[in-house]
Amino acid sequence: MFGGIVEEVGTVRATREMDGARELEIDAKVVVEDLAPGASISLDGACHTVVDVLGGGFTVNSVGTTLSRTVAADYTEGSRVNLERALAVGTRLDGHFVQGHVDAVGDVIGVEDLGEYRLLDVRIASDVASATILHGSITFNGVSLTVNAISDDHICQVAVIPYTWEHTNLRMLEPGGRVNVEGDVIGKYVRRMLPDAT
């Protein structure tokens, strides 16, 4: 379980194709301080298990399901990834409950600079949209965000404050880009219990 508060932006050091999976080696400074093999870590909002901790980094394996449902298949050497360690019991929850289970990949439609903040428009999958409400929570690339607007054609708009813009890889997004999207877990449970709700 994560909070959607990115601790640092790491860099993909290397990738290695495996049989039905992909090994990713990530350069990082902050998250490796107490990282151990077997720990959970979020890469752009997708939960991975740490396989090995290296000098100044760590490795994870992305399996077939993760590669098909996230942007992990797009990573190349030098890709910048949002990193967050799993929540510790008793810590503050500054974002919202984030499982690290990416629902779908969203398409960036627009990025608008409004001076003090940016508006980010992302087309999300219809099942994610059905569990998303105005002023509710959504996660893009592992970043906990508040829904600013949601349209009938499934375009979700969020406002990104300068701190978040500067300290995550959201600042690298452009129209035509792709992001990992995780809908609000509470909204998903409500939708499941009320299947006819829209």
N, C-alpha and C. Protein backbone atom coordinates (compact mmCIF):
# COMPACT_ATOMS: atom_id res chain seq x y z
N MET A 1 0.85 -1.19 0.00
CA MET A 1 0.00 0.00 0.00
C MET A 1 0.89 1.24 0.00
N PHE A 2 0.49 2.23 -0.80
CA PHE A 2 1.25 3.46 -0.95
C PHE A 2 0.35 4.66 -0.67
N GLY A 3 0.93 5.83 -0.65
CA GLY A 3 0.17 7.04 -0.40
C GLY A 3 0.10 7.97 -1.60
N GLY A 4 0.85 7.65 -2.66
CA GLY A 4 0.84 8.51 -3.84
C GLY A 4 1.69 9.76 -3.68
N ILE A 5 2.60 9.75 -2.69
CA ILE A 5 3.52 10.87 -2.48
C ILE A 5 4.90 10.41 -2.93
N VAL A 6 5.33 10.89 -4.09
CA VAL A 6 6.58 10.45 -4.69
C VAL A 6 7.76 10.91 -3.83
N GLU A 7 8.67 9.97 -3.55
CA GLU A 7 9.84 10.29 -2.73
C GLU A 7 11.00 10.81 -3.56
N GLU A 8 11.14 10.29 -4.76
CA GLU A 8 12.19 10.78 -5.66
C GLU A 8 11.90 10.29 -7.07
N VAL A 9 12.55 10.92 -8.03
CA VAL A 9 12.48 10.48 -9.41
C VAL A 9 13.79 9.76 -9.71
N GLY A 10 13.69 8.47 -10.00
CA GLY A 10 14.87 7.67 -10.31
C GLY A 10 15.07 7.58 -11.82
N THR A 11 16.14 6.93 -12.21
CA THR A 11 16.48 6.78 -13.62
C THR A 11 16.70 5.31 -13.94
N VAL A 12 16.14 4.85 -15.04
CA VAL A 12 16.38 3.47 -15.48
C VAL A 12 17.83 3.37 -15.94
N ARG A 13 18.60 2.56 -15.24
CA ARG A 13 20.01 2.36 -15.55
C ARG A 13 20.18 1.36 -16.68
N ALA A 14 19.37 0.30 -16.64
CA ALA A 14 19.47 -0.76 -17.65
C ALA A 14 18.19 -1.57 -17.68
N THR A 15 17.92 -2.21 -18.80
CA THR A 15 16.80 -3.14 -18.92
C THR A 15 17.34 -4.45 -19.51
N ARG A 16 16.71 -5.54 -19.13
CA ARG A 16 17.10 -6.83 -19.68
C ARG A 16 15.85 -7.64 -19.93
N GLU A 17 15.69 -8.07 -21.19
CA GLU A 17 14.52 -8.86 -21.55
C GLU A 17 14.69 -10.28 -21.03
N MET A 18 13.63 -10.80 -20.43
CA MET A 18 13.62 -12.15 -19.90
C MET A 18 12.49 -12.91 -20.58
N ASP A 19 12.37 -14.18 -20.29
CA ASP A 19 11.30 -14.98 -20.88
C ASP A 19 9.98 -14.60 -20.22
N GLY A 20 9.18 -13.79 -20.90
CA GLY A 20 7.89 -13.36 -20.38
C GLY A 20 7.96 -12.27 -19.34
N ALA A 21 9.13 -11.68 -19.16
CA ALA A 21 9.29 -10.64 -18.15
C ALA A 21 10.41 -9.69 -18.58
N ARG A 22 10.67 -8.70 -17.74
CA ARG A 22 11.69 -7.70 -18.04
C ARG A 22 12.35 -7.27 -16.73
N GLU A 23 13.66 -7.33 -16.69
CA GLU A 23 14.38 -6.85 -15.51
C GLU A 23 14.70 -5.38 -15.69
N LEU A 24 14.43 -4.59 -14.64
CA LEU A 24 14.72 -3.16 -14.66
C LEU A 24 15.71 -2.85 -13.56
N GLU A 25 16.76 -2.14 -13.91
CA GLU A 25 17.74 -1.68 -12.93
C GLU A 25 17.56 -0.17 -12.80
N ILE A 26 17.30 0.28 -11.59
CA ILE A 26 16.93 1.67 -11.35
C ILE A 26 17.98 2.36 -10.47
N ASP A 27 18.45 3.53 -10.92
CA ASP A 27 19.31 4.38 -10.09
C ASP A 27 18.43 5.15 -9.13
N ALA A 28 18.78 5.17 -7.86
CA ALA A 28 18.03 5.90 -6.85
C ALA A 28 18.94 6.23 -5.68
N LYS A 29 18.57 7.26 -4.92
CA LYS A 29 19.35 7.65 -3.74
C LYS A 29 18.54 7.56 -2.46
N VAL A 30 17.34 8.15 -2.47
CA VAL A 30 16.53 8.23 -1.25
C VAL A 30 15.92 6.89 -0.88
N VAL A 31 15.25 6.24 -1.82
CA VAL A 31 14.48 5.04 -1.48
C VAL A 31 15.35 3.85 -1.13
N VAL A 32 16.64 3.86 -1.50
CA VAL A 32 17.49 2.71 -1.20
C VAL A 32 18.00 2.72 0.23
N GLU A 33 17.75 3.79 0.98
CA GLU A 33 18.28 3.91 2.34
C GLU A 33 17.91 2.73 3.23
N ASP A 34 16.68 2.25 3.14
CA ASP A 34 16.28 1.10 3.96
C ASP A 34 15.60 0.02 3.12
N LEU A 35 15.93 -0.01 1.85
CA LEU A 35 15.32 -0.98 0.93
C LEU A 35 16.01 -2.33 1.07
N ALA A 36 15.23 -3.40 0.97
CA ALA A 36 15.79 -4.75 1.06
C ALA A 36 15.09 -5.63 0.03
N PRO A 37 15.77 -6.69 -0.42
CA PRO A 37 15.11 -7.62 -1.34
C PRO A 37 13.80 -8.13 -0.74
N GLY A 38 12.78 -8.18 -1.56
CA GLY A 38 11.45 -8.61 -1.12
C GLY A 38 10.53 -7.47 -0.77
N ALA A 39 11.08 -6.26 -0.62
CA ALA A 39 10.26 -5.10 -0.29
C ALA A 39 9.43 -4.67 -1.50
N SER A 40 8.32 -4.02 -1.22
CA SER A 40 7.49 -3.46 -2.28
C SER A 40 7.93 -2.03 -2.58
N ILE A 41 7.94 -1.69 -3.86
CA ILE A 41 8.28 -0.33 -4.27
C ILE A 41 7.42 0.02 -5.47
N SER A 42 7.00 1.27 -5.52
CA SER A 42 6.16 1.75 -6.61
C SER A 42 7.02 2.42 -7.67
N LEU A 43 6.89 1.95 -8.91
CA LEU A 43 7.51 2.58 -10.08
C LEU A 43 6.39 3.19 -10.90
N ASP A 44 6.30 4.51 -10.94
CA ASP A 44 5.23 5.19 -11.66
C ASP A 44 3.86 4.63 -11.27
N GLY A 45 3.72 4.29 -9.98
CA GLY A 45 2.43 3.82 -9.49
C GLY A 45 2.19 2.34 -9.60
N ALA A 46 3.12 1.59 -10.19
CA ALA A 46 2.96 0.14 -10.32
C ALA A 46 3.82 -0.55 -9.27
N CYS A 47 3.18 -1.34 -8.42
CA CYS A 47 3.88 -2.03 -7.35
C CYS A 47 4.80 -3.11 -7.92
N HIS A 48 6.05 -3.08 -7.51
CA HIS A 48 7.04 -4.08 -7.89
C HIS A 48 7.69 -4.63 -6.63
N THR A 49 8.28 -5.81 -6.73
CA THR A 49 9.05 -6.40 -5.64
C THR A 49 10.52 -6.21 -5.92
N VAL A 50 11.25 -5.70 -4.94
CA VAL A 50 12.69 -5.50 -5.10
C VAL A 50 13.37 -6.86 -5.14
N VAL A 51 14.15 -7.09 -6.19
CA VAL A 51 14.88 -8.34 -6.35
C VAL A 51 16.27 -8.23 -5.73
N ASP A 52 16.93 -7.10 -5.96
CA ASP A 52 18.29 -6.91 -5.46
C ASP A 52 18.51 -5.43 -5.18
N VAL A 53 19.33 -5.14 -4.19
CA VAL A 53 19.72 -3.76 -3.90
C VAL A 53 21.18 -3.62 -4.27
N LEU A 54 21.47 -2.63 -5.11
CA LEU A 54 22.81 -2.42 -5.63
C LEU A 54 23.37 -1.12 -5.09
N GLY A 55 24.62 -0.85 -5.38
CA GLY A 55 25.18 0.45 -5.03
C GLY A 55 24.44 1.55 -5.77
N GLY A 56 23.70 2.37 -5.03
CA GLY A 56 22.98 3.48 -5.65
C GLY A 56 21.80 3.06 -6.50
N GLY A 57 21.20 1.92 -6.19
CA GLY A 57 20.04 1.52 -6.97
C GLY A 57 19.49 0.17 -6.57
N PHE A 58 18.61 -0.37 -7.39
CA PHE A 58 17.97 -1.65 -7.11
C PHE A 58 17.45 -2.23 -8.42
N THR A 59 17.07 -3.50 -8.38
CA THR A 59 16.47 -4.15 -9.54
C THR A 59 15.09 -4.70 -9.18
N VAL A 60 14.22 -4.73 -10.17
CA VAL A 60 12.90 -5.35 -10.07
C VAL A 60 12.65 -6.11 -11.36
N ASN A 61 11.68 -7.01 -11.31
CA ASN A 61 11.23 -7.70 -12.51
C ASN A 61 9.80 -7.28 -12.81
N SER A 62 9.55 -6.86 -14.04
CA SER A 62 8.19 -6.60 -14.50
C SER A 62 7.73 -7.83 -15.28
N VAL A 63 6.66 -8.46 -14.80
CA VAL A 63 6.16 -9.66 -15.46
C VAL A 63 5.17 -9.28 -16.56
N GLY A 64 4.71 -10.28 -17.29
CA GLY A 64 3.86 -10.05 -18.45
C GLY A 64 2.64 -9.20 -18.19
N THR A 65 1.93 -9.45 -17.08
CA THR A 65 0.73 -8.67 -16.77
C THR A 65 1.08 -7.21 -16.57
N THR A 66 2.14 -6.96 -15.82
CA THR A 66 2.57 -5.57 -15.58
C THR A 66 2.97 -4.90 -16.88
N LEU A 67 3.69 -5.61 -17.72
CA LEU A 67 4.14 -5.04 -19.00
C LEU A 67 2.97 -4.71 -19.91
N SER A 68 1.89 -5.50 -19.82
CA SER A 68 0.74 -5.26 -20.71
C SER A 68 -0.19 -4.18 -20.19
N ARG A 69 -0.15 -3.88 -18.87
CA ARG A 69 -1.10 -2.94 -18.28
C ARG A 69 -0.50 -1.61 -17.85
N THR A 70 0.82 -1.46 -17.99
CA THR A 70 1.49 -0.25 -17.52
C THR A 70 2.46 0.27 -18.57
N VAL A 71 3.14 1.36 -18.23
CA VAL A 71 4.13 1.93 -19.16
C VAL A 71 5.51 1.28 -18.97
N ALA A 72 5.61 0.24 -18.14
CA ALA A 72 6.90 -0.41 -17.88
C ALA A 72 7.52 -0.96 -19.16
N ALA A 73 6.70 -1.36 -20.11
CA ALA A 73 7.23 -1.88 -21.37
C ALA A 73 7.88 -0.77 -22.20
N ASP A 74 7.57 0.48 -21.90
CA ASP A 74 8.12 1.62 -22.65
C ASP A 74 9.46 2.10 -22.11
N TYR A 75 9.83 1.66 -20.90
CA TYR A 75 11.06 2.16 -20.29
C TYR A 75 12.28 1.80 -21.12
N THR A 76 13.17 2.77 -21.26
CA THR A 76 14.45 2.55 -21.90
C THR A 76 15.52 3.12 -20.97
N GLU A 77 16.75 2.87 -21.27
CA GLU A 77 17.84 3.42 -20.48
C GLU A 77 17.71 4.94 -20.45
N GLY A 78 17.69 5.52 -19.26
CA GLY A 78 17.54 6.96 -19.10
C GLY A 78 16.13 7.41 -18.78
N SER A 79 15.14 6.51 -18.89
CA SER A 79 13.76 6.88 -18.54
C SER A 79 13.70 7.31 -17.08
N ARG A 80 12.91 8.34 -16.82
CA ARG A 80 12.75 8.85 -15.45
C ARG A 80 11.47 8.28 -14.86
N VAL A 81 11.56 7.72 -13.65
CA VAL A 81 10.43 7.05 -13.02
C VAL A 81 10.18 7.58 -11.61
N ASN A 82 8.91 7.77 -11.27
CA ASN A 82 8.53 8.18 -9.92
C ASN A 82 8.67 6.97 -9.00
N LEU A 83 9.31 7.20 -7.83
CA LEU A 83 9.56 6.11 -6.88
C LEU A 83 8.93 6.42 -5.53
N GLU A 84 8.34 5.40 -4.92
CA GLU A 84 7.79 5.52 -3.57
C GLU A 84 7.90 4.17 -2.87
N ARG A 85 8.43 4.18 -1.65
CA ARG A 85 8.44 2.96 -0.85
C ARG A 85 7.04 2.72 -0.27
N ALA A 86 6.78 1.49 0.13
CA ALA A 86 5.50 1.15 0.75
C ALA A 86 5.33 1.94 2.04
N LEU A 87 4.07 2.23 2.39
CA LEU A 87 3.77 2.93 3.64
C LEU A 87 4.17 2.09 4.84
N ALA A 88 4.62 2.77 5.88
CA ALA A 88 4.91 2.11 7.15
C ALA A 88 3.70 2.30 8.06
N VAL A 89 3.33 1.28 8.82
CA VAL A 89 2.21 1.39 9.75
C VAL A 89 2.52 2.50 10.76
N GLY A 90 1.55 3.37 10.97
CA GLY A 90 1.71 4.46 11.93
C GLY A 90 2.20 5.75 11.31
N THR A 91 2.47 5.75 10.01
CA THR A 91 2.92 6.97 9.36
C THR A 91 1.73 7.81 8.92
N ARG A 92 1.98 9.08 8.62
CA ARG A 92 0.91 9.94 8.08
C ARG A 92 0.56 9.48 6.67
N LEU A 93 -0.69 9.60 6.31
CA LEU A 93 -1.13 9.33 4.95
C LEU A 93 -1.42 10.68 4.31
N ASP A 94 -0.43 11.21 3.59
CA ASP A 94 -0.57 12.54 3.01
C ASP A 94 -1.32 12.56 1.68
N GLY A 95 -1.38 11.45 1.00
CA GLY A 95 -2.08 11.40 -0.27
C GLY A 95 -3.43 10.71 -0.10
N HIS A 96 -3.58 9.54 -0.73
CA HIS A 96 -4.75 8.70 -0.51
C HIS A 96 -4.30 7.24 -0.62
N PHE A 97 -5.19 6.31 -0.33
CA PHE A 97 -4.80 4.90 -0.40
C PHE A 97 -4.55 4.51 -1.85
N VAL A 98 -3.31 4.13 -2.13
CA VAL A 98 -2.89 3.72 -3.48
C VAL A 98 -2.38 2.28 -3.37
N GLN A 99 -2.99 1.39 -4.12
CA GLN A 99 -2.61 -0.02 -4.03
C GLN A 99 -1.35 -0.34 -4.83
N GLY A 100 -1.07 0.47 -5.84
CA GLY A 100 0.03 0.13 -6.73
C GLY A 100 -0.40 -0.87 -7.80
N HIS A 101 -1.71 -1.03 -7.95
CA HIS A 101 -2.27 -1.92 -8.97
C HIS A 101 -2.85 -1.05 -10.08
N VAL A 102 -2.07 -0.84 -11.10
CA VAL A 102 -2.47 0.05 -12.19
C VAL A 102 -3.67 -0.52 -12.93
N ASP A 103 -4.68 0.32 -13.13
CA ASP A 103 -5.90 -0.13 -13.81
C ASP A 103 -5.76 -0.09 -15.32
N ALA A 104 -5.07 0.91 -15.82
CA ALA A 104 -4.94 1.08 -17.26
C ALA A 104 -3.89 2.15 -17.54
N VAL A 105 -3.54 2.26 -18.80
CA VAL A 105 -2.67 3.34 -19.25
C VAL A 105 -3.55 4.43 -19.84
N GLY A 106 -3.31 5.68 -19.44
CA GLY A 106 -4.08 6.81 -19.96
C GLY A 106 -3.26 7.58 -20.98
N ASP A 107 -3.97 8.27 -21.87
CA ASP A 107 -3.33 9.08 -22.91
C ASP A 107 -3.39 10.55 -22.55
N VAL A 108 -2.24 11.20 -22.55
CA VAL A 108 -2.18 12.63 -22.24
C VAL A 108 -2.75 13.41 -23.42
N ILE A 109 -3.81 14.18 -23.15
CA ILE A 109 -4.48 14.97 -24.18
C ILE A 109 -3.97 16.41 -24.19
N GLY A 110 -3.71 16.96 -23.02
CA GLY A 110 -3.27 18.34 -22.96
C GLY A 110 -2.52 18.66 -21.69
N VAL A 111 -1.59 19.60 -21.80
CA VAL A 111 -0.86 20.14 -20.66
C VAL A 111 -0.89 21.65 -20.80
N GLU A 112 -1.53 22.33 -19.84
CA GLU A 112 -1.68 23.78 -19.93
C GLU A 112 -0.99 24.46 -18.75
N ASP A 113 -0.07 25.37 -19.07
CA ASP A 113 0.66 26.11 -18.05
C ASP A 113 -0.13 27.36 -17.70
N LEU A 114 -0.59 27.42 -16.45
CA LEU A 114 -1.37 28.57 -15.99
C LEU A 114 -0.58 29.41 -14.98
N GLY A 115 0.73 29.34 -15.08
CA GLY A 115 1.57 30.15 -14.22
C GLY A 115 1.84 29.51 -12.88
N GLU A 116 0.89 29.60 -11.97
CA GLU A 116 1.08 29.03 -10.64
C GLU A 116 0.83 27.52 -10.59
N TYR A 117 0.22 26.98 -11.63
CA TYR A 117 -0.03 25.55 -11.67
C TYR A 117 -0.24 25.12 -13.11
N ARG A 118 -0.29 23.81 -13.33
CA ARG A 118 -0.56 23.26 -14.66
C ARG A 118 -1.84 22.44 -14.62
N LEU A 119 -2.58 22.47 -15.71
CA LEU A 119 -3.73 21.59 -15.89
C LEU A 119 -3.29 20.44 -16.79
N LEU A 120 -3.56 19.24 -16.34
CA LEU A 120 -3.18 18.04 -17.08
C LEU A 120 -4.46 17.29 -17.44
N ASP A 121 -4.69 17.10 -18.74
CA ASP A 121 -5.86 16.37 -19.22
C ASP A 121 -5.43 15.00 -19.72
N VAL A 122 -6.05 13.95 -19.18
CA VAL A 122 -5.71 12.58 -19.54
C VAL A 122 -6.98 11.81 -19.86
N ARG A 123 -6.99 11.15 -21.03
CA ARG A 123 -8.12 10.28 -21.36
C ARG A 123 -7.92 8.96 -20.62
N ILE A 124 -8.89 8.59 -19.78
CA ILE A 124 -8.77 7.39 -18.97
C ILE A 124 -9.77 6.33 -19.45
N ALA A 125 -9.52 5.10 -19.08
CA ALA A 125 -10.41 4.00 -19.47
C ALA A 125 -11.80 4.20 -18.88
N SER A 126 -12.81 3.69 -19.58
CA SER A 126 -14.19 3.90 -19.15
C SER A 126 -14.47 3.30 -17.78
N ASP A 127 -13.87 2.14 -17.46
CA ASP A 127 -14.14 1.55 -16.15
C ASP A 127 -13.50 2.36 -15.03
N VAL A 128 -12.38 3.03 -15.30
CA VAL A 128 -11.78 3.91 -14.31
C VAL A 128 -12.64 5.16 -14.17
N ALA A 129 -13.11 5.68 -15.30
CA ALA A 129 -13.96 6.88 -15.28
C ALA A 129 -15.24 6.64 -14.47
N SER A 130 -15.78 5.43 -14.57
CA SER A 130 -17.04 5.14 -13.86
C SER A 130 -16.88 5.12 -12.35
N ALA A 131 -15.63 5.01 -11.88
CA ALA A 131 -15.37 5.01 -10.43
C ALA A 131 -14.71 6.31 -9.98
N THR A 132 -14.71 7.32 -10.86
CA THR A 132 -14.04 8.60 -10.58
C THR A 132 -15.07 9.70 -10.40
N ILE A 133 -14.87 10.50 -9.36
CA ILE A 133 -15.80 11.59 -9.10
C ILE A 133 -15.06 12.92 -9.02
N LEU A 134 -15.78 14.00 -9.30
CA LEU A 134 -15.23 15.34 -9.17
C LEU A 134 -14.74 15.56 -7.75
N HIS A 135 -13.55 16.08 -7.62
CA HIS A 135 -12.88 16.34 -6.35
C HIS A 135 -12.47 15.07 -5.61
N GLY A 136 -12.61 13.93 -6.27
CA GLY A 136 -12.13 12.67 -5.71
C GLY A 136 -10.65 12.50 -6.02
N SER A 137 -10.13 11.31 -5.73
CA SER A 137 -8.70 11.04 -5.93
C SER A 137 -8.47 10.15 -7.14
N ILE A 138 -7.32 10.35 -7.77
CA ILE A 138 -6.86 9.51 -8.87
C ILE A 138 -5.35 9.54 -8.85
N THR A 139 -4.74 8.51 -9.39
CA THR A 139 -3.28 8.43 -9.41
C THR A 139 -2.79 8.38 -10.84
N PHE A 140 -1.90 9.31 -11.19
CA PHE A 140 -1.20 9.30 -12.48
C PHE A 140 0.28 9.08 -12.19
N ASN A 141 0.85 8.04 -12.78
CA ASN A 141 2.27 7.69 -12.57
C ASN A 141 2.63 7.65 -11.08
N GLY A 142 1.69 7.16 -10.28
CA GLY A 142 1.95 7.00 -8.87
C GLY A 142 1.79 8.25 -8.04
N VAL A 143 1.33 9.34 -8.64
CA VAL A 143 1.16 10.61 -7.93
C VAL A 143 -0.30 10.76 -7.52
N SER A 144 -0.53 10.95 -6.23
CA SER A 144 -1.87 11.19 -5.72
C SER A 144 -2.34 12.57 -6.17
N LEU A 145 -3.47 12.63 -6.88
CA LEU A 145 -3.99 13.88 -7.43
C LEU A 145 -5.49 14.00 -7.17
N THR A 146 -5.98 15.22 -7.20
CA THR A 146 -7.40 15.49 -7.02
C THR A 146 -8.03 15.77 -8.37
N VAL A 147 -9.17 15.15 -8.62
CA VAL A 147 -9.88 15.32 -9.90
C VAL A 147 -10.46 16.73 -9.95
N ASN A 148 -10.02 17.49 -10.95
CA ASN A 148 -10.47 18.86 -11.16
C ASN A 148 -11.72 18.90 -12.05
N ALA A 149 -11.78 17.95 -12.98
CA ALA A 149 -12.93 17.83 -13.90
C ALA A 149 -12.91 16.44 -14.51
N ILE A 150 -14.09 15.93 -14.85
CA ILE A 150 -14.20 14.65 -15.54
C ILE A 150 -15.30 14.80 -16.58
N SER A 151 -15.00 14.48 -17.83
CA SER A 151 -15.97 14.69 -18.92
C SER A 151 -16.66 13.39 -19.30
N ASP A 152 -17.74 13.53 -20.07
CA ASP A 152 -18.49 12.35 -20.51
C ASP A 152 -17.67 11.46 -21.42
N ASP A 153 -16.65 12.02 -22.07
CA ASP A 153 -15.80 11.21 -22.95
C ASP A 153 -14.52 10.75 -22.23
N HIS A 154 -14.61 10.70 -20.89
CA HIS A 154 -13.57 10.09 -20.05
C HIS A 154 -12.25 10.86 -20.03
N ILE A 155 -12.31 12.17 -20.18
CA ILE A 155 -11.10 12.97 -20.01
C ILE A 155 -11.09 13.49 -18.58
N CYS A 156 -10.07 13.10 -17.86
CA CYS A 156 -9.91 13.49 -16.46
C CYS A 156 -8.88 14.61 -16.39
N GLN A 157 -9.27 15.71 -15.74
CA GLN A 157 -8.37 16.85 -15.60
C GLN A 157 -7.94 16.97 -14.14
N VAL A 158 -6.63 17.19 -13.94
CA VAL A 158 -6.10 17.44 -12.62
C VAL A 158 -5.29 18.73 -12.67
N ALA A 159 -5.21 19.41 -11.53
CA ALA A 159 -4.37 20.59 -11.41
C ALA A 159 -3.12 20.17 -10.64
N VAL A 160 -1.96 20.49 -11.19
CA VAL A 160 -0.69 20.08 -10.58
C VAL A 160 0.02 21.32 -10.04
N ILE A 161 0.26 21.33 -8.72
CA ILE A 161 0.92 22.47 -8.10
C ILE A 161 2.41 22.45 -8.44
N PRO A 162 3.09 23.61 -8.31
CA PRO A 162 4.51 23.68 -8.68
C PRO A 162 5.40 22.65 -7.97
N TYR A 163 5.17 22.41 -6.67
CA TYR A 163 6.02 21.45 -5.96
C TYR A 163 5.93 20.06 -6.59
N THR A 164 4.71 19.61 -6.85
CA THR A 164 4.52 18.29 -7.46
C THR A 164 5.11 18.26 -8.86
N TRP A 165 4.93 19.35 -9.61
CA TRP A 165 5.46 19.44 -10.97
C TRP A 165 6.98 19.29 -10.97
N GLU A 166 7.63 19.94 -10.02
CA GLU A 166 9.10 19.94 -9.98
C GLU A 166 9.68 18.66 -9.40
N HIS A 167 8.92 17.94 -8.59
CA HIS A 167 9.47 16.79 -7.87
C HIS A 167 8.96 15.44 -8.37
N THR A 168 8.32 15.41 -9.53
CA THR A 168 7.87 14.15 -10.14
C THR A 168 8.17 14.17 -11.63
N ASN A 169 7.90 13.04 -12.29
CA ASN A 169 8.12 13.01 -13.73
C ASN A 169 6.91 13.52 -14.52
N LEU A 170 5.89 14.05 -13.83
CA LEU A 170 4.75 14.63 -14.55
C LEU A 170 5.21 15.80 -15.42
N ARG A 171 6.26 16.49 -15.01
CA ARG A 171 6.74 17.65 -15.76
C ARG A 171 7.28 17.26 -17.14
N MET A 172 7.53 15.99 -17.35
CA MET A 172 8.05 15.52 -18.64
C MET A 172 6.95 15.12 -19.60
N LEU A 173 5.70 15.17 -19.14
CA LEU A 173 4.60 14.74 -19.99
C LEU A 173 4.26 15.77 -21.05
N GLU A 174 3.89 15.26 -22.20
CA GLU A 174 3.43 16.09 -23.32
C GLU A 174 2.24 15.41 -23.96
N PRO A 175 1.41 16.16 -24.69
CA PRO A 175 0.31 15.51 -25.42
C PRO A 175 0.84 14.37 -26.28
N GLY A 176 0.14 13.25 -26.22
CA GLY A 176 0.58 12.06 -26.93
C GLY A 176 1.31 11.09 -26.04
N GLY A 177 1.70 11.54 -24.84
CA GLY A 177 2.38 10.67 -23.89
C GLY A 177 1.40 9.74 -23.19
N ARG A 178 1.96 8.82 -22.40
CA ARG A 178 1.14 7.83 -21.70
C ARG A 178 1.48 7.84 -20.23
N VAL A 179 0.47 7.57 -19.39
CA VAL A 179 0.67 7.51 -17.94
C VAL A 179 -0.04 6.30 -17.36
N ASN A 180 0.53 5.77 -16.28
CA ASN A 180 -0.16 4.74 -15.52
C ASN A 180 -1.29 5.39 -14.73
N VAL A 181 -2.46 4.76 -14.75
CA VAL A 181 -3.63 5.31 -14.06
C VAL A 181 -4.16 4.26 -13.08
N GLU A 182 -4.34 4.70 -11.82
CA GLU A 182 -5.03 3.88 -10.83
C GLU A 182 -6.19 4.68 -10.28
N GLY A 183 -7.39 4.15 -10.44
CA GLY A 183 -8.56 4.81 -9.90
C GLY A 183 -8.62 4.68 -8.39
N ASP A 184 -9.45 5.48 -7.78
CA ASP A 184 -9.60 5.47 -6.32
C ASP A 184 -10.17 4.14 -5.87
N VAL A 185 -9.51 3.49 -4.92
CA VAL A 185 -9.92 2.16 -4.48
C VAL A 185 -11.33 2.18 -3.88
N ILE A 186 -11.70 3.23 -3.18
CA ILE A 186 -13.05 3.31 -2.60
C ILE A 186 -14.09 3.37 -3.71
N GLY A 187 -13.82 4.18 -4.73
CA GLY A 187 -14.73 4.28 -5.87
C GLY A 187 -14.90 2.94 -6.58
N LYS A 188 -13.82 2.16 -6.67
CA LYS A 188 -13.89 0.87 -7.34
C LYS A 188 -14.75 -0.12 -6.55
N TYR A 189 -14.62 -0.08 -5.23
CA TYR A 189 -15.46 -0.97 -4.41
C TYR A 189 -16.93 -0.58 -4.49
N VAL A 190 -17.21 0.71 -4.47
CA VAL A 190 -18.60 1.17 -4.59
C VAL A 190 -19.17 0.75 -5.94
N ARG A 191 -18.38 0.94 -7.00
CA ARG A 191 -18.85 0.53 -8.33
C ARG A 191 -19.14 -0.96 -8.38
N ARG A 192 -18.32 -1.76 -7.73
CA ARG A 192 -18.51 -3.21 -7.72
C ARG A 192 -19.78 -3.60 -6.99
N MET A 193 -20.07 -2.90 -5.89
CA MET A 193 -21.27 -3.22 -5.12
C MET A 193 -22.53 -2.70 -5.79
N LEU A 194 -22.41 -1.65 -6.61
CA LEU A 194 -23.54 -1.07 -7.32
C LEU A 194 -23.25 -1.11 -8.81
N PRO A 195 -23.34 -2.29 -9.42
CA PRO A 195 -22.92 -2.46 -10.82
C PRO A 195 -23.68 -1.60 -11.81
N ASP A 196 -24.90 -1.14 -11.45
CA ASP A 196 -25.67 -0.31 -12.38
C ASP A 196 -25.37 1.16 -12.21
N ALA A 197 -24.51 1.52 -11.25
CA ALA A 197 -24.17 2.94 -11.02
C ALA A 197 -23.30 3.44 -12.17
N THR A 198 -23.47 4.70 -12.53
CA THR A 198 -22.65 5.28 -13.60
C THR A 198 -21.84 6.42 -13.07
